[in-house]
Protein backbone atom coordinates (compact mmCIF):
# COMPACT_ATOMS: atom_id res chain seq x y z
CA UNK A 1 0.00 0.00 0.00
CA UNK A 2 1.47 3.33 -0.99
CA UNK A 3 2.02 5.93 1.68
CA UNK A 4 0.41 9.26 0.93
CA UNK A 5 -0.06 12.49 2.79
CA UNK A 6 -2.89 12.35 5.30
CA UNK A 7 -5.36 14.90 4.03
CA UNK A 8 -8.75 13.26 4.65
CA UNK A 9 -10.66 13.67 7.90
CA UNK A 10 -12.70 10.99 9.62
CA UNK A 11 -15.31 12.14 12.15
CA UNK A 12 -17.30 9.94 14.47
CA UNK A 13 -19.43 10.56 17.54
CA UNK A 14 -18.75 8.23 20.48
CA UNK A 15 -19.55 8.35 24.17
CA UNK A 16 -17.01 10.54 26.00
CA UNK A 17 -16.18 7.78 28.50
CA UNK A 18 -15.57 5.26 25.73
CA UNK A 19 -13.32 7.72 23.91
CA UNK A 20 -11.30 8.49 27.03
CA UNK A 21 -10.88 4.83 27.97
CA UNK A 22 -9.91 3.81 24.44
CA UNK A 23 -7.39 6.63 24.21
CA UNK A 24 -5.84 5.55 27.54
CA UNK A 25 -5.41 2.02 26.19
CA UNK A 26 -4.02 3.34 22.91
CA UNK A 27 -1.55 5.53 24.81
CA UNK A 28 -0.40 2.48 26.77
CA UNK A 29 0.22 0.82 23.40
CA UNK A 30 2.14 3.85 22.13
CA UNK A 31 -0.61 4.79 19.69
CA UNK A 32 -3.02 7.65 19.20
CA UNK A 33 -6.52 7.63 17.69
CA UNK A 34 -5.23 8.57 14.23
CA UNK A 35 -2.79 5.64 14.17
CA UNK A 36 -5.45 3.22 15.42
CA UNK A 37 -8.02 4.36 12.86
CA UNK A 38 -5.41 4.19 10.10
CA UNK A 39 -4.53 0.63 11.15
CA UNK A 40 -8.22 -0.32 11.18
CA UNK A 41 -8.81 1.14 7.73
CA UNK A 42 -5.69 -0.58 6.33
CA UNK A 43 -6.93 -3.95 7.62
CA UNK A 44 -10.41 -3.35 6.20
CA UNK A 45 -8.87 -2.66 2.79
CA UNK A 46 -6.53 -5.67 2.93
CA UNK A 47 -9.18 -8.14 4.14
CA UNK A 48 -12.17 -6.62 2.38
CA UNK A 49 -13.91 -7.08 5.73
CA UNK A 50 -13.91 -5.85 9.29
CA UNK A 51 -10.79 -7.38 10.93
CA UNK A 52 -12.66 -8.87 13.88
CA UNK A 53 -15.77 -10.94 14.39
CA UNK A 54 -19.02 -9.01 14.66
CA UNK A 55 -21.85 -11.19 15.86
CA UNK A 56 -24.84 -11.06 18.12
CA UNK A 57 -24.62 -12.89 21.43
CA UNK A 58 -26.44 -16.24 21.57
CA UNK A 59 -29.37 -16.92 23.90
CA UNK A 60 -27.14 -18.24 26.72
CA UNK A 61 -24.91 -15.18 26.60
CA UNK A 62 -27.90 -12.81 26.45
CA UNK A 63 -29.38 -14.51 29.54
CA UNK A 64 -26.06 -14.21 31.37
CA UNK A 65 -25.85 -10.53 30.43
CA UNK A 66 -29.38 -9.93 31.75
CA UNK A 67 -28.49 -11.75 34.98
CA UNK A 68 -25.33 -9.69 35.41
CA UNK A 69 -27.20 -6.44 34.78
CA UNK A 70 -29.77 -7.51 37.41
CA UNK A 71 -26.98 -8.23 39.90
CA UNK A 72 -27.51 -12.01 39.82
CA UNK A 73 -23.88 -13.01 39.56
CA UNK A 74 -21.77 -15.66 41.25
CA UNK A 75 -18.72 -14.57 43.18
CA UNK A 76 -16.25 -17.27 44.03
CA UNK A 77 -12.90 -15.66 44.84
CA UNK A 78 -10.95 -18.28 42.90
CA UNK A 79 -11.36 -20.68 40.01
CA UNK A 80 -11.35 -23.66 42.40
CA UNK A 81 -14.18 -22.13 44.45
CA UNK A 82 -16.14 -21.34 41.30
CA UNK A 83 -15.86 -24.92 40.03
CA UNK A 84 -16.88 -26.21 43.45
CA UNK A 85 -19.98 -24.00 43.36
CA UNK A 86 -20.81 -25.10 39.83
CA UNK A 87 -20.36 -28.77 40.73
CA UNK A 88 -22.62 -28.33 43.78
CA UNK A 89 -25.44 -27.23 41.44
CA UNK A 90 -25.41 -30.64 39.68
PDB file of N, CA and C in Angstrom:
ATOM      1  N   UNK A   1       0.839  -1.163   0.000  1.00  0.00           N
ATOM      2  CA  UNK A   1       0.000   0.000   0.000  1.00  0.00           C
ATOM      3  C   UNK A   1       0.893   1.236   0.000  1.00  0.00           C
ATOM      4  N   UNK A   2       0.642   2.135  -0.881  1.00  0.00           N
ATOM      5  CA  UNK A   2       1.471   3.326  -0.985  1.00  0.00           C
ATOM      6  C   UNK A   2       1.164   4.300   0.135  1.00  0.00           C
ATOM      7  N   UNK A   3       2.207   4.933   0.645  1.00  0.00           N
ATOM      8  CA  UNK A   3       2.023   5.928   1.683  1.00  0.00           C
ATOM      9  C   UNK A   3       1.775   7.274   1.025  1.00  0.00           C
ATOM     10  N   UNK A   4       0.717   7.934   1.464  1.00  0.00           N
ATOM     11  CA  UNK A   4       0.409   9.256   0.925  1.00  0.00           C
ATOM     12  C   UNK A   4       0.193  10.207   2.084  1.00  0.00           C
ATOM     13  N   UNK A   5       0.181  11.490   1.753  1.00  0.00           N
ATOM     14  CA  UNK A   5      -0.063  12.490   2.793  1.00  0.00           C
ATOM     15  C   UNK A   5      -1.458  12.294   3.361  1.00  0.00           C
ATOM     16  N   UNK A   6      -1.591  12.494   4.646  1.00  0.00           N
ATOM     17  CA  UNK A   6      -2.893  12.346   5.297  1.00  0.00           C
ATOM     18  C   UNK A   6      -3.643  13.658   5.171  1.00  0.00           C
ATOM     19  N   UNK A   7      -4.608  13.676   4.258  1.00  0.00           N
ATOM     20  CA  UNK A   7      -5.355  14.900   4.026  1.00  0.00           C
ATOM     21  C   UNK A   7      -6.851  14.724   4.224  1.00  0.00           C
ATOM     22  N   UNK A   8      -7.330  13.505   4.438  1.00  0.00           N
ATOM     23  CA  UNK A   8      -8.750  13.265   4.652  1.00  0.00           C
ATOM     24  C   UNK A   8      -9.043  13.246   6.155  1.00  0.00           C
ATOM     25  N   UNK A   9     -10.241  13.648   6.501  1.00  0.00           N
ATOM     26  CA  UNK A   9     -10.656  13.673   7.895  1.00  0.00           C
ATOM     27  C   UNK A   9     -11.759  12.658   8.117  1.00  0.00           C
ATOM     28  N   UNK A  10     -11.663  11.930   9.214  1.00  0.00           N
ATOM     29  CA  UNK A  10     -12.705  10.989   9.619  1.00  0.00           C
ATOM     30  C   UNK A  10     -13.303  11.541  10.899  1.00  0.00           C
ATOM     31  N   UNK A  11     -14.634  11.647  10.947  1.00  0.00           N
ATOM     32  CA  UNK A  11     -15.312  12.143  12.146  1.00  0.00           C
ATOM     33  C   UNK A  11     -16.299  11.095  12.616  1.00  0.00           C
ATOM     34  N   UNK A  12     -16.340  10.879  13.903  1.00  0.00           N
ATOM     35  CA  UNK A  12     -17.298   9.935  14.472  1.00  0.00           C
ATOM     36  C   UNK A  12     -17.709  10.435  15.853  1.00  0.00           C
ATOM     37  N   UNK A  13     -18.950  10.203  16.208  1.00  0.00           N
ATOM     38  CA  UNK A  13     -19.427  10.563  17.543  1.00  0.00           C
ATOM     39  C   UNK A  13     -19.439   9.294  18.387  1.00  0.00           C
ATOM     40  N   UNK A  14     -18.773   9.346  19.535  1.00  0.00           N
ATOM     41  CA  UNK A  14     -18.747   8.232  20.482  1.00  0.00           C
ATOM     42  C   UNK A  14     -18.968   8.795  21.878  1.00  0.00           C
ATOM     43  N   UNK A  15     -19.355   7.935  22.784  1.00  0.00           N
ATOM     44  CA  UNK A  15     -19.553   8.351  24.171  1.00  0.00           C
ATOM     45  C   UNK A  15     -18.228   8.865  24.731  1.00  0.00           C
ATOM     46  N   UNK A  16     -18.255   9.976  25.467  1.00  0.00           N
ATOM     47  CA  UNK A  16     -17.005  10.544  26.003  1.00  0.00           C
ATOM     48  C   UNK A  16     -16.207   9.554  26.851  1.00  0.00           C
ATOM     49  N   UNK A  17     -16.882   8.753  27.673  1.00  0.00           N
ATOM     50  CA  UNK A  17     -16.175   7.780  28.502  1.00  0.00           C
ATOM     51  C   UNK A  17     -15.480   6.718  27.672  1.00  0.00           C
ATOM     52  N   UNK A  18     -16.159   6.261  26.631  1.00  0.00           N
ATOM     53  CA  UNK A  18     -15.572   5.260  25.732  1.00  0.00           C
ATOM     54  C   UNK A  18     -14.335   5.835  25.053  1.00  0.00           C
ATOM     55  N   UNK A  19     -14.450   7.059  24.569  1.00  0.00           N
ATOM     56  CA  UNK A  19     -13.318   7.717  23.908  1.00  0.00           C
ATOM     57  C   UNK A  19     -12.133   7.832  24.860  1.00  0.00           C
ATOM     58  N   UNK A  20     -12.389   8.305  26.069  1.00  0.00           N
ATOM     59  CA  UNK A  20     -11.299   8.489  27.034  1.00  0.00           C
ATOM     60  C   UNK A  20     -10.634   7.167  27.381  1.00  0.00           C
ATOM     61  N   UNK A  21     -11.454   6.134  27.620  1.00  0.00           N
ATOM     62  CA  UNK A  21     -10.884   4.828  27.973  1.00  0.00           C
ATOM     63  C   UNK A  21     -10.075   4.245  26.819  1.00  0.00           C
ATOM     64  N   UNK A  22     -10.627   4.335  25.610  1.00  0.00           N
ATOM     65  CA  UNK A  22      -9.912   3.811  24.441  1.00  0.00           C
ATOM     66  C   UNK A  22      -8.596   4.554  24.232  1.00  0.00           C
ATOM     67  N   UNK A  23      -8.622   5.870  24.407  1.00  0.00           N
ATOM     68  CA  UNK A  23      -7.393   6.634  24.209  1.00  0.00           C
ATOM     69  C   UNK A  23      -6.347   6.327  25.279  1.00  0.00           C
ATOM     70  N   UNK A  24      -6.799   5.978  26.502  1.00  0.00           N
ATOM     71  CA  UNK A  24      -5.843   5.548  27.544  1.00  0.00           C
ATOM     72  C   UNK A  24      -5.169   4.240  27.125  1.00  0.00           C
ATOM     73  N   UNK A  25      -5.969   3.303  26.626  1.00  0.00           N
ATOM     74  CA  UNK A  25      -5.413   2.021  26.188  1.00  0.00           C
ATOM     75  C   UNK A  25      -4.461   2.242  25.020  1.00  0.00           C
ATOM     76  N   UNK A  26      -4.888   3.052  24.059  1.00  0.00           N
ATOM     77  CA  UNK A  26      -4.022   3.335  22.914  1.00  0.00           C
ATOM     78  C   UNK A  26      -2.712   3.970  23.365  1.00  0.00           C
ATOM     79  N   UNK A  27      -2.777   4.889  24.308  1.00  0.00           N
ATOM     80  CA  UNK A  27      -1.547   5.531  24.807  1.00  0.00           C
ATOM     81  C   UNK A  27      -0.623   4.497  25.437  1.00  0.00           C
ATOM     82  N   UNK A  28      -1.211   3.552  26.183  1.00  0.00           N
ATOM     83  CA  UNK A  28      -0.399   2.477  26.771  1.00  0.00           C
ATOM     84  C   UNK A  28       0.288   1.650  25.693  1.00  0.00           C
ATOM     85  N   UNK A  29      -0.342   1.570  24.531  1.00  0.00           N
ATOM     86  CA  UNK A  29       0.222   0.824  23.402  1.00  0.00           C
ATOM     87  C   UNK A  29       1.155   1.677  22.548  1.00  0.00           C
ATOM     88  N   UNK A  30       1.290   2.953  22.904  1.00  0.00           N
ATOM     89  CA  UNK A  30       2.140   3.850  22.133  1.00  0.00           C
ATOM     90  C   UNK A  30       1.468   4.363  20.869  1.00  0.00           C
ATOM     91  N   UNK A  31       0.148   4.358  20.862  1.00  0.00           N
ATOM     92  CA  UNK A  31      -0.608   4.790  19.685  1.00  0.00           C
ATOM     93  C   UNK A  31      -1.528   5.949  20.041  1.00  0.00           C
ATOM     94  N   UNK A  32      -1.977   6.649  19.014  1.00  0.00           N
ATOM     95  CA  UNK A  32      -3.021   7.647  19.201  1.00  0.00           C
ATOM     96  C   UNK A  32      -4.219   7.234  18.340  1.00  0.00           C
ATOM     97  N   UNK A  33      -5.302   7.986  18.425  1.00  0.00           N
ATOM     98  CA  UNK A  33      -6.520   7.630  17.693  1.00  0.00           C
ATOM     99  C   UNK A  33      -6.275   7.596  16.186  1.00  0.00           C
ATOM    100  N   UNK A  34      -5.507   8.532  15.673  1.00  0.00           N
ATOM    101  CA  UNK A  34      -5.235   8.568  14.234  1.00  0.00           C
ATOM    102  C   UNK A  34      -4.529   7.294  13.783  1.00  0.00           C
ATOM    103  N   UNK A  35      -3.522   6.866  14.538  1.00  0.00           N
ATOM    104  CA  UNK A  35      -2.793   5.644  14.175  1.00  0.00           C
ATOM    105  C   UNK A  35      -3.713   4.430  14.239  1.00  0.00           C
ATOM    106  N   UNK A  36      -4.552   4.364  15.282  1.00  0.00           N
ATOM    107  CA  UNK A  36      -5.454   3.221  15.419  1.00  0.00           C
ATOM    108  C   UNK A  36      -6.475   3.178  14.285  1.00  0.00           C
ATOM    109  N   UNK A  37      -7.043   4.322  13.945  1.00  0.00           N
ATOM    110  CA  UNK A  37      -8.023   4.365  12.857  1.00  0.00           C
ATOM    111  C   UNK A  37      -7.355   4.018  11.531  1.00  0.00           C
ATOM    112  N   UNK A  38      -6.153   4.517  11.321  1.00  0.00           N
ATOM    113  CA  UNK A  38      -5.411   4.190  10.099  1.00  0.00           C
ATOM    114  C   UNK A  38      -5.166   2.683  10.011  1.00  0.00           C
ATOM    115  N   UNK A  39      -4.754   2.075  11.128  1.00  0.00           N
ATOM    116  CA  UNK A  39      -4.529   0.627  11.145  1.00  0.00           C
ATOM    117  C   UNK A  39      -5.826  -0.123  10.840  1.00  0.00           C
ATOM    118  N   UNK A  40      -6.930   0.310  11.438  1.00  0.00           N
ATOM    119  CA  UNK A  40      -8.223  -0.323  11.180  1.00  0.00           C
ATOM    120  C   UNK A  40      -8.577  -0.224   9.702  1.00  0.00           C
ATOM    121  N   UNK A  41      -8.487   0.952   9.142  1.00  0.00           N
ATOM    122  CA  UNK A  41      -8.812   1.142   7.727  1.00  0.00           C
ATOM    123  C   UNK A  41      -7.914   0.300   6.828  1.00  0.00           C
ATOM    124  N   UNK A  42      -6.607   0.229   7.149  1.00  0.00           N
ATOM    125  CA  UNK A  42      -5.694  -0.577   6.332  1.00  0.00           C
ATOM    126  C   UNK A  42      -6.103  -2.048   6.364  1.00  0.00           C
ATOM    127  N   UNK A  43      -6.496  -2.551   7.521  1.00  0.00           N
ATOM    128  CA  UNK A  43      -6.925  -3.949   7.617  1.00  0.00           C
ATOM    129  C   UNK A  43      -8.241  -4.185   6.878  1.00  0.00           C
ATOM    130  N   UNK A  44      -9.156  -3.226   6.940  1.00  0.00           N
ATOM    131  CA  UNK A  44     -10.412  -3.352   6.201  1.00  0.00           C
ATOM    132  C   UNK A  44     -10.120  -3.461   4.710  1.00  0.00           C
ATOM    133  N   UNK A  45      -9.227  -2.627   4.209  1.00  0.00           N
ATOM    134  CA  UNK A  45      -8.870  -2.656   2.786  1.00  0.00           C
ATOM    135  C   UNK A  45      -8.196  -3.977   2.430  1.00  0.00           C
ATOM    136  N   UNK A  46      -7.259  -4.431   3.234  1.00  0.00           N
ATOM    137  CA  UNK A  46      -6.530  -5.672   2.928  1.00  0.00           C
ATOM    138  C   UNK A  46      -7.417  -6.903   2.986  1.00  0.00           C
ATOM    139  N   UNK A  47      -8.329  -6.952   3.954  1.00  0.00           N
ATOM    140  CA  UNK A  47      -9.177  -8.136   4.144  1.00  0.00           C
ATOM    141  C   UNK A  47     -10.504  -8.054   3.401  1.00  0.00           C
ATOM    142  N   UNK A  48     -10.836  -6.867   2.961  1.00  0.00           N
ATOM    143  CA  UNK A  48     -12.168  -6.622   2.380  1.00  0.00           C
ATOM    144  C   UNK A  48     -13.251  -7.020   3.376  1.00  0.00           C
ATOM    145  N   UNK A  49     -12.983  -6.743   4.647  1.00  0.00           N
ATOM    146  CA  UNK A  49     -13.908  -7.085   5.725  1.00  0.00           C
ATOM    147  C   UNK A  49     -13.442  -6.376   6.997  1.00  0.00           C
ATOM    148  N   UNK A  50     -14.304  -6.362   7.980  1.00  0.00           N
ATOM    149  CA  UNK A  50     -13.910  -5.849   9.287  1.00  0.00           C
ATOM    150  C   UNK A  50     -12.948  -6.877   9.893  1.00  0.00           C
ATOM    151  N   UNK A  51     -11.831  -6.441  10.473  1.00  0.00           N
ATOM    152  CA  UNK A  51     -10.795  -7.383  10.927  1.00  0.00           C
ATOM    153  C   UNK A  51     -11.057  -8.037  12.286  1.00  0.00           C
ATOM    154  N   UNK A  52     -12.291  -8.156  12.665  1.00  0.00           N
ATOM    155  CA  UNK A  52     -12.656  -8.873  13.878  1.00  0.00           C
ATOM    156  C   UNK A  52     -14.083  -9.366  13.706  1.00  0.00           C
ATOM    157  N   UNK A  53     -14.452 -10.347  14.492  1.00  0.00           N
ATOM    158  CA  UNK A  53     -15.774 -10.940  14.389  1.00  0.00           C
ATOM    159  C   UNK A  53     -16.815  -9.999  14.966  1.00  0.00           C
ATOM    160  N   UNK A  54     -17.878  -9.803  14.200  1.00  0.00           N
ATOM    161  CA  UNK A  54     -19.015  -9.014  14.660  1.00  0.00           C
ATOM    162  C   UNK A  54     -20.214  -9.939  14.619  1.00  0.00           C
ATOM    163  N   UNK A  55     -20.705 -10.280  15.813  1.00  0.00           N
ATOM    164  CA  UNK A  55     -21.847 -11.185  15.858  1.00  0.00           C
ATOM    165  C   UNK A  55     -22.694 -10.878  17.079  1.00  0.00           C
ATOM    166  N   UNK A  56     -23.935 -11.257  16.995  1.00  0.00           N
ATOM    167  CA  UNK A  56     -24.845 -11.064  18.121  1.00  0.00           C
ATOM    168  C   UNK A  56     -24.616 -12.162  19.140  1.00  0.00           C
ATOM    169  N   UNK A  57     -24.772 -11.845  20.421  1.00  0.00           N
ATOM    170  CA  UNK A  57     -24.622 -12.891  21.434  1.00  0.00           C
ATOM    171  C   UNK A  57     -25.741 -13.925  21.317  1.00  0.00           C
ATOM    172  N   UNK A  58     -25.423 -15.190  21.629  1.00  0.00           N
ATOM    173  CA  UNK A  58     -26.440 -16.243  21.570  1.00  0.00           C
ATOM    174  C   UNK A  58     -27.356 -16.138  22.787  1.00  0.00           C
ATOM    175  N   UNK A  59     -28.370 -16.984  22.839  1.00  0.00           N
ATOM    176  CA  UNK A  59     -29.375 -16.921  23.900  1.00  0.00           C
ATOM    177  C   UNK A  59     -28.751 -17.096  25.288  1.00  0.00           C
ATOM    178  N   UNK A  60     -27.792 -18.005  25.422  1.00  0.00           N
ATOM    179  CA  UNK A  60     -27.145 -18.239  26.720  1.00  0.00           C
ATOM    180  C   UNK A  60     -26.397 -16.998  27.174  1.00  0.00           C
ATOM    181  N   UNK A  61     -25.669 -16.380  26.261  1.00  0.00           N
ATOM    182  CA  UNK A  61     -24.911 -15.178  26.600  1.00  0.00           C
ATOM    183  C   UNK A  61     -25.847 -14.025  26.937  1.00  0.00           C
ATOM    184  N   UNK A  62     -26.930 -13.865  26.159  1.00  0.00           N
ATOM    185  CA  UNK A  62     -27.901 -12.805  26.453  1.00  0.00           C
ATOM    186  C   UNK A  62     -28.510 -12.992  27.841  1.00  0.00           C
ATOM    187  N   UNK A  63     -28.823 -14.231  28.206  1.00  0.00           N
ATOM    188  CA  UNK A  63     -29.381 -14.507  29.539  1.00  0.00           C
ATOM    189  C   UNK A  63     -28.365 -14.162  30.616  1.00  0.00           C
ATOM    190  N   UNK A  64     -27.110 -14.522  30.396  1.00  0.00           N
ATOM    191  CA  UNK A  64     -26.058 -14.210  31.372  1.00  0.00           C
ATOM    192  C   UNK A  64     -25.879 -12.700  31.503  1.00  0.00           C
ATOM    193  N   UNK A  65     -25.967 -11.987  30.402  1.00  0.00           N
ATOM    194  CA  UNK A  65     -25.847 -10.530  30.434  1.00  0.00           C
ATOM    195  C   UNK A  65     -27.004  -9.914  31.219  1.00  0.00           C
ATOM    196  N   UNK A  66     -28.216 -10.418  31.000  1.00  0.00           N
ATOM    197  CA  UNK A  66     -29.378  -9.928  31.755  1.00  0.00           C
ATOM    198  C   UNK A  66     -29.193 -10.196  33.249  1.00  0.00           C
ATOM    199  N   UNK A  67     -28.731 -11.408  33.581  1.00  0.00           N
ATOM    200  CA  UNK A  67     -28.491 -11.753  34.983  1.00  0.00           C
ATOM    201  C   UNK A  67     -27.455 -10.815  35.608  1.00  0.00           C
ATOM    202  N   UNK A  68     -26.384 -10.560  34.886  1.00  0.00           N
ATOM    203  CA  UNK A  68     -25.330  -9.688  35.408  1.00  0.00           C
ATOM    204  C   UNK A  68     -25.855  -8.274  35.612  1.00  0.00           C
ATOM    205  N   UNK A  69     -26.637  -7.784  34.655  1.00  0.00           N
ATOM    206  CA  UNK A  69     -27.204  -6.437  34.783  1.00  0.00           C
ATOM    207  C   UNK A  69     -28.158  -6.358  35.968  1.00  0.00           C
ATOM    208  N   UNK A  70     -28.827  -7.465  36.281  1.00  0.00           N
ATOM    209  CA  UNK A  70     -29.768  -7.507  37.410  1.00  0.00           C
ATOM    210  C   UNK A  70     -29.053  -7.766  38.731  1.00  0.00           C
ATOM    211  N   UNK A  71     -27.736  -7.982  38.677  1.00  0.00           N
ATOM    212  CA  UNK A  71     -26.976  -8.226  39.896  1.00  0.00           C
ATOM    213  C   UNK A  71     -26.941  -9.684  40.320  1.00  0.00           C
ATOM    214  N   UNK A  72     -27.494 -10.572  39.500  1.00  0.00           N
ATOM    215  CA  UNK A  72     -27.513 -12.011  39.821  1.00  0.00           C
ATOM    216  C   UNK A  72     -26.247 -12.660  39.284  1.00  0.00           C
ATOM    217  N   UNK A  73     -25.155 -12.447  39.991  1.00  0.00           N
ATOM    218  CA  UNK A  73     -23.879 -13.013  39.556  1.00  0.00           C
ATOM    219  C   UNK A  73     -23.307 -13.886  40.663  1.00  0.00           C
ATOM    220  N   UNK A  74     -22.423 -14.783  40.289  1.00  0.00           N
ATOM    221  CA  UNK A  74     -21.770 -15.664  41.246  1.00  0.00           C
ATOM    222  C   UNK A  74     -20.373 -15.136  41.520  1.00  0.00           C
ATOM    223  N   UNK A  75     -20.076 -14.974  42.786  1.00  0.00           N
ATOM    224  CA  UNK A  75     -18.724 -14.566  43.179  1.00  0.00           C
ATOM    225  C   UNK A  75     -18.091 -15.750  43.893  1.00  0.00           C
ATOM    226  N   UNK A  76     -16.877 -16.079  43.485  1.00  0.00           N
ATOM    227  CA  UNK A  76     -16.245 -17.268  44.034  1.00  0.00           C
ATOM    228  C   UNK A  76     -14.892 -16.989  44.664  1.00  0.00           C
ATOM    229  N   UNK A  77     -14.206 -15.967  44.259  1.00  0.00           N
ATOM    230  CA  UNK A  77     -12.902 -15.662  44.838  1.00  0.00           C
ATOM    231  C   UNK A  77     -11.743 -16.360  44.159  1.00  0.00           C
ATOM    232  N   UNK A  78     -12.006 -17.551  43.615  1.00  0.00           N
ATOM    233  CA  UNK A  78     -10.953 -18.277  42.897  1.00  0.00           C
ATOM    234  C   UNK A  78     -11.611 -19.245  41.926  1.00  0.00           C
ATOM    235  N   UNK A  79     -10.838 -19.720  40.982  1.00  0.00           N
ATOM    236  CA  UNK A  79     -11.365 -20.682  40.013  1.00  0.00           C
ATOM    237  C   UNK A  79     -11.788 -21.970  40.708  1.00  0.00           C
ATOM    238  N   UNK A  80     -11.011 -22.425  41.675  1.00  0.00           N
ATOM    239  CA  UNK A  80     -11.353 -23.657  42.398  1.00  0.00           C
ATOM    240  C   UNK A  80     -12.699 -23.514  43.108  1.00  0.00           C
ATOM    241  N   UNK A  81     -12.901 -22.365  43.772  1.00  0.00           N
ATOM    242  CA  UNK A  81     -14.177 -22.135  44.454  1.00  0.00           C
ATOM    243  C   UNK A  81     -15.334 -22.065  43.461  1.00  0.00           C
ATOM    244  N   UNK A  82     -15.098 -21.434  42.317  1.00  0.00           N
ATOM    245  CA  UNK A  82     -16.139 -21.338  41.301  1.00  0.00           C
ATOM    246  C   UNK A  82     -16.533 -22.729  40.817  1.00  0.00           C
ATOM    247  N   UNK A  83     -15.548 -23.566  40.507  1.00  0.00           N
ATOM    248  CA  UNK A  83     -15.860 -24.918  40.033  1.00  0.00           C
ATOM    249  C   UNK A  83     -16.576 -25.723  41.114  1.00  0.00           C
ATOM    250  N   UNK A  84     -16.202 -25.535  42.352  1.00  0.00           N
ATOM    251  CA  UNK A  84     -16.881 -26.213  43.453  1.00  0.00           C
ATOM    252  C   UNK A  84     -18.346 -25.787  43.521  1.00  0.00           C
ATOM    253  N   UNK A  85     -18.599 -24.490  43.359  1.00  0.00           N
ATOM    254  CA  UNK A  85     -19.979 -24.002  43.362  1.00  0.00           C
ATOM    255  C   UNK A  85     -20.767 -24.547  42.179  1.00  0.00           C
ATOM    256  N   UNK A  86     -20.139 -24.578  41.020  1.00  0.00           N
ATOM    257  CA  UNK A  86     -20.814 -25.103  39.830  1.00  0.00           C
ATOM    258  C   UNK A  86     -21.095 -26.578  39.974  1.00  0.00           C
ATOM    259  N   UNK A  87     -20.155 -27.338  40.521  1.00  0.00           N
ATOM    260  CA  UNK A  87     -20.361 -28.774  40.727  1.00  0.00           C
ATOM    261  C   UNK A  87     -21.461 -29.030  41.746  1.00  0.00           C
ATOM    262  N   UNK A  88     -21.585 -28.166  42.749  1.00  0.00           N
ATOM    263  CA  UNK A  88     -22.616 -28.332  43.777  1.00  0.00           C
ATOM    264  C   UNK A  88     -24.015 -28.182  43.199  1.00  0.00           C
ATOM    265  N   UNK A  89     -24.126 -27.438  42.074  1.00  0.00           N
ATOM    266  CA  UNK A  89     -25.438 -27.232  41.437  1.00  0.00           C
ATOM    267  C   UNK A  89     -25.921 -28.480  40.707  1.00  0.00           C
ATOM    268  N   UNK A  90     -25.029 -29.432  40.450  1.00  0.00           N
ATOM    269  CA  UNK A  90     -25.406 -30.642  39.678  1.00  0.00           C
ATOM    270  C   UNK A  90     -26.211 -31.612  40.469  1.00  0.00           C
TER     271      UNK A  90
END
